[in-house]
C-alpha atoms as a PDB file:
ATOM      1  CA  MET A   1      10.719  17.119  10.213  1.00  0.00           C
ATOM      2  CA  VAL A   2       9.990  13.853   8.408  1.00  0.00           C
ATOM      3  CA  ARG A   3       9.214  14.285   4.709  1.00  0.00           C
ATOM      4  CA  VAL A   4       6.717  11.649   3.574  1.00  0.00           C
ATOM      5  CA  GLY A   5       6.170  11.372  -0.159  1.00  0.00           C
ATOM      6  CA  VAL A   6       2.714  10.445  -1.447  1.00  0.00           C
ATOM      7  CA  LEU A   7       2.612   9.227  -5.046  1.00  0.00           C
ATOM      8  CA  ALA A   8       0.223  11.752  -6.602  1.00  0.00           C
ATOM      9  CA  LEU A   9      -0.429  10.303 -10.055  1.00  0.00           C
ATOM     10  CA  GLN A  10      -3.975   8.961  -9.646  1.00  0.00           C
ATOM     11  CA  GLY A  11      -6.230   7.728  -6.866  1.00  0.00           C
ATOM     12  CA  ASP A  12      -6.918   8.996  -3.370  1.00  0.00           C
ATOM     13  CA  PHE A  13      -3.543  10.559  -2.598  1.00  0.00           C
ATOM     14  CA  LEU A  14      -5.143  13.726  -1.194  1.00  0.00           C
ATOM     15  CA  GLU A  15      -6.678  11.772   1.699  1.00  0.00           C
ATOM     16  CA  HIS A  16      -3.230  10.495   2.694  1.00  0.00           C
ATOM     17  CA  VAL A  17      -1.813  14.012   2.497  1.00  0.00           C
ATOM     18  CA  GLN A  18      -4.600  15.302   4.764  1.00  0.00           C
ATOM     19  CA  ILE A  19      -3.891  12.742   7.495  1.00  0.00           C
ATOM     20  CA  LEU A  20      -0.134  13.338   7.291  1.00  0.00           C
ATOM     21  CA  ARG A  21      -0.748  17.063   7.811  1.00  0.00           C
ATOM     22  CA  GLU A  22      -2.471  16.240  11.089  1.00  0.00           C
ATOM     23  CA  LEU A  23       0.567  14.413  12.475  1.00  0.00           C
ATOM     24  CA  ASP A  24       3.281  16.257  14.391  1.00  0.00           C
ATOM     25  CA  GLY A  25       6.667  16.588  12.730  1.00  0.00           C
ATOM     26  CA  VAL A  26       5.521  15.403   9.305  1.00  0.00           C
ATOM     27  CA  GLU A  27       5.677  17.231   5.982  1.00  0.00           C
ATOM     28  CA  PRO A  28       3.757  15.528   3.147  1.00  0.00           C
ATOM     29  CA  VAL A  29       5.279  15.786  -0.325  1.00  0.00           C
ATOM     30  CA  ALA A  30       3.220  15.197  -3.481  1.00  0.00           C
ATOM     31  CA  VAL A  31       5.332  12.993  -5.762  1.00  0.00           C
ATOM     32  CA  LYS A  32       4.716  13.371  -9.495  1.00  0.00           C
ATOM     33  CA  ARG A  33       8.239  13.205 -10.953  1.00  0.00           C
ATOM     34  CA  ALA A  34      11.410  11.277 -10.157  1.00  0.00           C
ATOM     35  CA  ASP A  35      13.032  14.438  -8.800  1.00  0.00           C
ATOM     36  CA  ASP A  36      10.316  14.677  -6.142  1.00  0.00           C
ATOM     37  CA  LEU A  37      11.663  11.465  -4.576  1.00  0.00           C
ATOM     38  CA  SER A  38      15.145  12.837  -3.986  1.00  0.00           C
ATOM     39  CA  SER A  39      14.385  14.304  -0.569  1.00  0.00           C
ATOM     40  CA  VAL A  40      11.711  12.046   0.944  1.00  0.00           C
ATOM     41  CA  ASP A  41      12.204   9.955   4.075  1.00  0.00           C
ATOM     42  CA  ALA A  42       9.318   7.581   3.250  1.00  0.00           C
ATOM     43  CA  LEU A  43       6.840   6.930   0.433  1.00  0.00           C
ATOM     44  CA  ILE A  44       3.138   6.032   0.294  1.00  0.00           C
ATOM     45  CA  ILE A  45       1.643   4.480  -2.847  1.00  0.00           C
ATOM     46  CA  PRO A  46      -2.118   5.096  -2.571  1.00  0.00           C
ATOM     47  CA  GLY A  47      -5.227   3.284  -3.703  1.00  0.00           C
ATOM     48  CA  GLY A  48      -6.769   3.905  -7.093  1.00  0.00           C
ATOM     49  CA  GLU A  49      -6.504   1.989 -10.363  1.00  0.00           C
ATOM     50  CA  SER A  50      -3.380  -0.160 -10.149  1.00  0.00           C
ATOM     51  CA  THR A  51      -2.999  -0.471 -13.929  1.00  0.00           C
ATOM     52  CA  THR A  52      -3.285   3.303 -14.406  1.00  0.00           C
ATOM     53  CA  ILE A  53      -0.886   4.137 -11.593  1.00  0.00           C
ATOM     54  CA  GLY A  54       1.555   1.514 -12.879  1.00  0.00           C
ATOM     55  CA  SER A  55       1.450   2.943 -16.407  1.00  0.00           C
ATOM     56  CA  LEU A  56       2.115   6.440 -15.052  1.00  0.00           C
ATOM     57  CA  ILE A  57       5.013   5.184 -12.910  1.00  0.00           C
ATOM     58  CA  VAL A  58       6.603   3.816 -16.073  1.00  0.00           C
ATOM     59  CA  ALA A  59       5.786   6.879 -18.209  1.00  0.00           C
ATOM     60  CA  ARG A  60       7.302   9.267 -15.690  1.00  0.00           C
ATOM     61  CA  GLY A  61      10.429   7.225 -15.066  1.00  0.00           C
ATOM     62  CA  LEU A  62       9.666   6.575 -11.395  1.00  0.00           C
ATOM     63  CA  ALA A  63      10.133   2.793 -11.207  1.00  0.00           C
ATOM     64  CA  ASP A  64      13.920   2.659 -10.802  1.00  0.00           C
ATOM     65  CA  LYS A  65      13.910   5.489  -8.284  1.00  0.00           C
ATOM     66  CA  ILE A  66      11.255   3.788  -6.151  1.00  0.00           C
ATOM     67  CA  ALA A  67      13.215   0.528  -6.311  1.00  0.00           C
ATOM     68  CA  SER A  68      16.345   2.386  -5.188  1.00  0.00           C
ATOM     69  CA  LEU A  69      14.463   3.824  -2.224  1.00  0.00           C
ATOM     70  CA  ALA A  70      13.305   0.351  -1.221  1.00  0.00           C
ATOM     71  CA  GLU A  71      16.813  -1.077  -1.507  1.00  0.00           C
ATOM     72  CA  SER A  72      18.233   1.749   0.603  1.00  0.00           C
ATOM     73  CA  GLY A  73      15.817   0.972   3.452  1.00  0.00           C
ATOM     74  CA  THR A  74      13.444   3.880   2.913  1.00  0.00           C
ATOM     75  CA  PRO A  75      10.004   2.862   4.260  1.00  0.00           C
ATOM     76  CA  ILE A  76       7.356   2.324   1.565  1.00  0.00           C
ATOM     77  CA  MET A  77       3.675   1.683   2.224  1.00  0.00           C
ATOM     78  CA  GLY A  78       1.207   0.586  -0.448  1.00  0.00           C
ATOM     79  CA  THR A  79      -2.527   0.740   0.257  1.00  0.00           C
ATOM     80  CA  CYS A  80      -5.042  -1.224  -1.861  1.00  0.00           C
ATOM     81  CA  ALA A  81      -3.803  -0.586  -5.428  1.00  0.00           C
ATOM     82  CA  GLY A  82      -0.464   0.359  -3.868  1.00  0.00           C
ATOM     83  CA  ALA A  83      -0.217  -3.120  -2.362  1.00  0.00           C
ATOM     84  CA  VAL A  84      -0.866  -4.611  -5.805  1.00  0.00           C
ATOM     85  CA  LEU A  85       1.941  -2.485  -7.260  1.00  0.00           C
ATOM     86  CA  LEU A  86       4.416  -3.669  -4.616  1.00  0.00           C
ATOM     87  CA  ALA A  87       3.695  -7.371  -5.281  1.00  0.00           C
ATOM     88  CA  LYS A  88       5.850  -9.777  -7.260  1.00  0.00           C
ATOM     89  CA  SER A  89       2.833 -11.855  -8.315  1.00  0.00           C
ATOM     90  CA  VAL A  90      -0.620 -10.497  -9.267  1.00  0.00           C
ATOM     91  CA  SER A  91      -3.783 -12.125 -10.556  1.00  0.00           C
ATOM     92  CA  ASP A  92      -7.394 -10.974 -10.813  1.00  0.00           C
ATOM     93  CA  LYS A  93     -10.294 -12.816  -9.183  1.00  0.00           C
ATOM     94  CA  THR A  94     -12.279 -12.728 -12.434  1.00  0.00           C
ATOM     95  CA  VAL A  95      -9.748 -12.845 -15.289  1.00  0.00           C
ATOM     96  CA  GLY A  96      -6.913 -14.758 -13.615  1.00  0.00           C
ATOM     97  CA  PRO A  97      -3.220 -13.930 -14.221  1.00  0.00           C
ATOM     98  CA  THR A  98      -2.484 -10.401 -15.383  1.00  0.00           C
ATOM     99  CA  ASP A  99       0.458  -8.976 -17.269  1.00  0.00           C
ATOM    100  CA  GLN A 100       0.165  -5.572 -15.633  1.00  0.00           C
ATOM    101  CA  PHE A 101       3.240  -3.679 -14.516  1.00  0.00           C
ATOM    102  CA  THR A 102       4.200  -3.939 -10.855  1.00  0.00           C
ATOM    103  CA  LEU A 103       7.297  -2.784  -8.987  1.00  0.00           C
ATOM    104  CA  LYS A 104       7.967  -6.394  -7.835  1.00  0.00           C
ATOM    105  CA  LEU A 105       9.472  -5.233  -4.562  1.00  0.00           C
ATOM    106  CA  MET A 106       7.662  -7.490  -2.073  1.00  0.00           C
ATOM    107  CA  ASN A 107       7.573 -11.280  -1.953  1.00  0.00           C
ATOM    108  CA  ILE A 108       3.780 -11.429  -1.929  1.00  0.00           C
ATOM    109  CA  GLU A 109       1.082 -12.868  -4.164  1.00  0.00           C
ATOM    110  CA  VAL A 110      -1.939 -10.593  -4.538  1.00  0.00           C
ATOM    111  CA  VAL A 111      -5.392 -11.213  -6.014  1.00  0.00           C
ATOM    112  CA  ARG A 112      -7.083  -8.058  -7.315  1.00  0.00           C
ATOM    113  CA  ASN A 113     -10.773  -7.364  -6.597  1.00  0.00           C
ATOM    114  CA  ALA A 114     -10.877 -10.378  -4.281  1.00  0.00           C
ATOM    115  CA  PHE A 115     -13.955  -9.161  -2.395  1.00  0.00           C
ATOM    116  CA  GLY A 116     -15.934  -8.099  -5.463  1.00  0.00           C
ATOM    117  CA  ARG A 117     -16.835  -4.768  -6.995  1.00  0.00           C
ATOM    118  CA  GLN A 118     -17.535  -1.328  -5.551  1.00  0.00           C
ATOM    119  CA  ARG A 119     -20.952  -2.316  -4.164  1.00  0.00           C
ATOM    120  CA  GLU A 120     -19.316  -5.012  -2.032  1.00  0.00           C
ATOM    121  CA  SER A 121     -17.216  -2.433  -0.159  1.00  0.00           C
ATOM    122  CA  PHE A 122     -17.184  -2.766   3.632  1.00  0.00           C
ATOM    123  CA  ILE A 123     -15.480  -1.617   6.817  1.00  0.00           C
ATOM    124  CA  ALA A 124     -13.995  -4.084   9.305  1.00  0.00           C
ATOM    125  CA  ASP A 125     -11.686  -4.224  12.311  1.00  0.00           C
ATOM    126  CA  VAL A 126      -8.334  -5.864  11.611  1.00  0.00           C
ATOM    127  CA  ASP A 127      -5.660  -6.977  14.089  1.00  0.00           C
ATOM    128  CA  ILE A 128      -2.243  -6.293  12.584  1.00  0.00           C
ATOM    129  CA  ASP A 129       1.053  -7.465  14.065  1.00  0.00           C
ATOM    130  CA  GLU A 130       3.012  -4.613  15.676  1.00  0.00           C
ATOM    131  CA  ILE A 131       0.156  -2.135  15.047  1.00  0.00           C
ATOM    132  CA  GLY A 132      -2.866  -3.529  16.891  1.00  0.00           C
ATOM    133  CA  ARG A 133      -6.543  -3.308  15.998  1.00  0.00           C
ATOM    134  CA  VAL A 134      -7.393  -0.840  13.243  1.00  0.00           C
ATOM    135  CA  ARG A 135     -10.577   0.220  11.482  1.00  0.00           C
ATOM    136  CA  ALA A 136     -10.144  -0.571   7.798  1.00  0.00           C
ATOM    137  CA  ALA A 137     -12.128   0.316   4.665  1.00  0.00           C
ATOM    138  CA  PHE A 138     -12.128  -2.327   1.916  1.00  0.00           C
ATOM    139  CA  ILE A 139     -13.054  -0.874  -1.489  1.00  0.00           C
ATOM    140  CA  ARG A 140     -12.549  -3.216  -4.472  1.00  0.00           C
ATOM    141  CA  ALA A 141      -9.814  -4.564  -2.260  1.00  0.00           C
ATOM    142  CA  PRO A 142      -7.182  -7.174  -3.094  1.00  0.00           C
ATOM    143  CA  GLU A 143      -6.334 -10.262  -1.076  1.00  0.00           C
ATOM    144  CA  ILE A 144      -2.774 -10.937   0.016  1.00  0.00           C
ATOM    145  CA  LYS A 145      -2.934 -14.641  -0.802  1.00  0.00           C
ATOM    146  CA  ASN A 146       0.609 -15.710  -0.074  1.00  0.00           C
ATOM    147  CA  ALA A 147       3.950 -14.424   1.182  1.00  0.00           C
ATOM    148  CA  TRP A 148       7.423 -15.916   1.251  1.00  0.00           C
ATOM    149  CA  PRO A 149      10.497 -14.798   3.217  1.00  0.00           C
ATOM    150  CA  PRO A 150      11.441 -12.205   4.041  1.00  0.00           C
ATOM    151  CA  ALA A 151       7.827 -11.060   3.577  1.00  0.00           C
ATOM    152  CA  ARG A 152       5.100 -12.267   5.931  1.00  0.00           C
ATOM    153  CA  ILE A 153       1.368 -11.741   6.198  1.00  0.00           C
ATOM    154  CA  THR A 154       0.678  -9.685   9.313  1.00  0.00           C
ATOM    155  CA  GLY A 155      -3.110  -9.334   9.365  1.00  0.00           C
ATOM    156  CA  PHE A 156      -6.160 -11.403   8.429  1.00  0.00           C
ATOM    157  CA  ILE A 157      -9.940 -11.069   8.344  1.00  0.00           C
ATOM    158  CA  ASP A 158     -12.599 -13.772   8.250  1.00  0.00           C
ATOM    159  CA  TYR A 159     -14.808 -13.104   5.239  1.00  0.00           C
ATOM    160  CA  PRO A 160     -17.994 -14.999   4.295  1.00  0.00           C
ATOM    161  CA  GLY A 161     -17.380 -17.505   1.536  1.00  0.00           C
ATOM    162  CA  MET A 162     -13.609 -16.938   1.589  1.00  0.00           C
ATOM    163  CA  GLY A 163     -12.581 -17.862   5.114  1.00  0.00           C
ATOM    164  CA  ARG A 164      -9.352 -16.421   6.518  1.00  0.00           C
ATOM    165  CA  VAL A 165      -8.003 -13.779   4.152  1.00  0.00           C
ATOM    166  CA  GLY A 166      -4.638 -11.990   4.336  1.00  0.00           C
ATOM    167  CA  VAL A 167      -5.006  -8.202   4.260  1.00  0.00           C
ATOM    168  CA  SER A 168      -1.621  -6.852   5.380  1.00  0.00           C
ATOM    169  CA  ALA A 169       1.988  -7.869   4.874  1.00  0.00           C
ATOM    170  CA  LYS A 170       5.417  -6.613   5.860  1.00  0.00           C
ATOM    171  CA  GLN A 171       8.843  -7.105   4.333  1.00  0.00           C
ATOM    172  CA  ASP A 172      11.683  -5.274   6.038  1.00  0.00           C
ATOM    173  CA  ASN A 173      10.965  -1.564   5.355  1.00  0.00           C
ATOM    174  CA  MET A 174       7.869  -2.191   3.209  1.00  0.00           C
ATOM    175  CA  LEU A 175       4.220  -2.460   4.226  1.00  0.00           C
ATOM    176  CA  ALA A 176       1.370  -3.659   1.986  1.00  0.00           C
ATOM    177  CA  LEU A 177      -2.233  -3.050   3.075  1.00  0.00           C
ATOM    178  CA  ALA A 178      -5.242  -4.372   1.166  1.00  0.00           C
ATOM    179  CA  PHE A 179      -7.392  -1.670   2.733  1.00  0.00           C
ATOM    180  CA  HIS A 180      -7.652   2.127   2.990  1.00  0.00           C
ATOM    181  CA  PRO A 181      -6.516   3.535   6.371  1.00  0.00           C
ATOM    182  CA  GLU A 182      -6.931   7.050   4.977  1.00  0.00           C
ATOM    183  CA  ILE A 183     -10.691   6.541   4.496  1.00  0.00           C
ATOM    184  CA  THR A 184     -11.275   5.648   8.155  1.00  0.00           C
ATOM    185  CA  GLY A 185      -8.669   8.124   9.429  1.00  0.00           C
ATOM    186  CA  GLU A 186      -6.760   5.298  11.129  1.00  0.00           C
ATOM    187  CA  LYS A 187      -3.735   7.186  12.421  1.00  0.00           C
ATOM    188  CA  LYS A 188      -2.217   4.161  14.179  1.00  0.00           C
ATOM    189  CA  VAL A 189      -1.158   2.852  10.774  1.00  0.00           C
ATOM    190  CA  TYR A 190       0.660   6.088   9.928  1.00  0.00           C
ATOM    191  CA  GLU A 191       2.264   6.340  13.350  1.00  0.00           C
ATOM    192  CA  TYR A 192       3.632   2.825  12.930  1.00  0.00           C
ATOM    193  CA  PHE A 193       4.861   3.651   9.435  1.00  0.00           C
ATOM    194  CA  LEU A 194       6.634   6.742  10.726  1.00  0.00           C
ATOM    195  CA  ARG A 195       8.397   4.642  13.366  1.00  0.00           C
ATOM    196  CA  LEU A 196       9.940   2.673  10.507  1.00  0.00           C
ATOM    197  CA  VAL A 197      11.457   5.955   9.274  1.00  0.00           C
ATOM    198  CA  LYS A 198      13.098   6.579  12.595  1.00  0.00           C
ATOM    199  CA  ALA A 199      14.230   2.972  13.172  1.00  0.00           C
END
């Protein structure tokens, strides 16, 4: 049984838990305290408000423990706000550079709210290296603007007025997704993530 932690501080963590329950051999674990991370085989950081989730990570003493998991090779996946929290460099499309807390675990540059506000949400097909074509929901989504080794951008979409936009990245055991696979029920993403656990 693979125990997959889902950071359950704010955001749409319940949707991730629901999909994980539908997969064979997986036990989802709601992570609210540092102790909850002691027995997980992988961790998902969900979408939501990246500044709120980041503040709660700090308040509950989770940052060092998550960093230790990453360093030990434990797979970590961040979706939407989770991708922002994994990034070493973050700016906002409207206000520019931010001083918000991030875990700074992935060598990626992320732009928050790159596609606009809630009303500009959309669903698109994305081809992602090693995963294939997935159906992805973009809700106040970030752009993965740049990556430097060992991180690399693994998926792009063509978006009106923006051109070719990075929407997924991988660095060793970590995966950053600008979109919400849990909204579309895209199990291929989770199956790939679980293969990282067993690698």
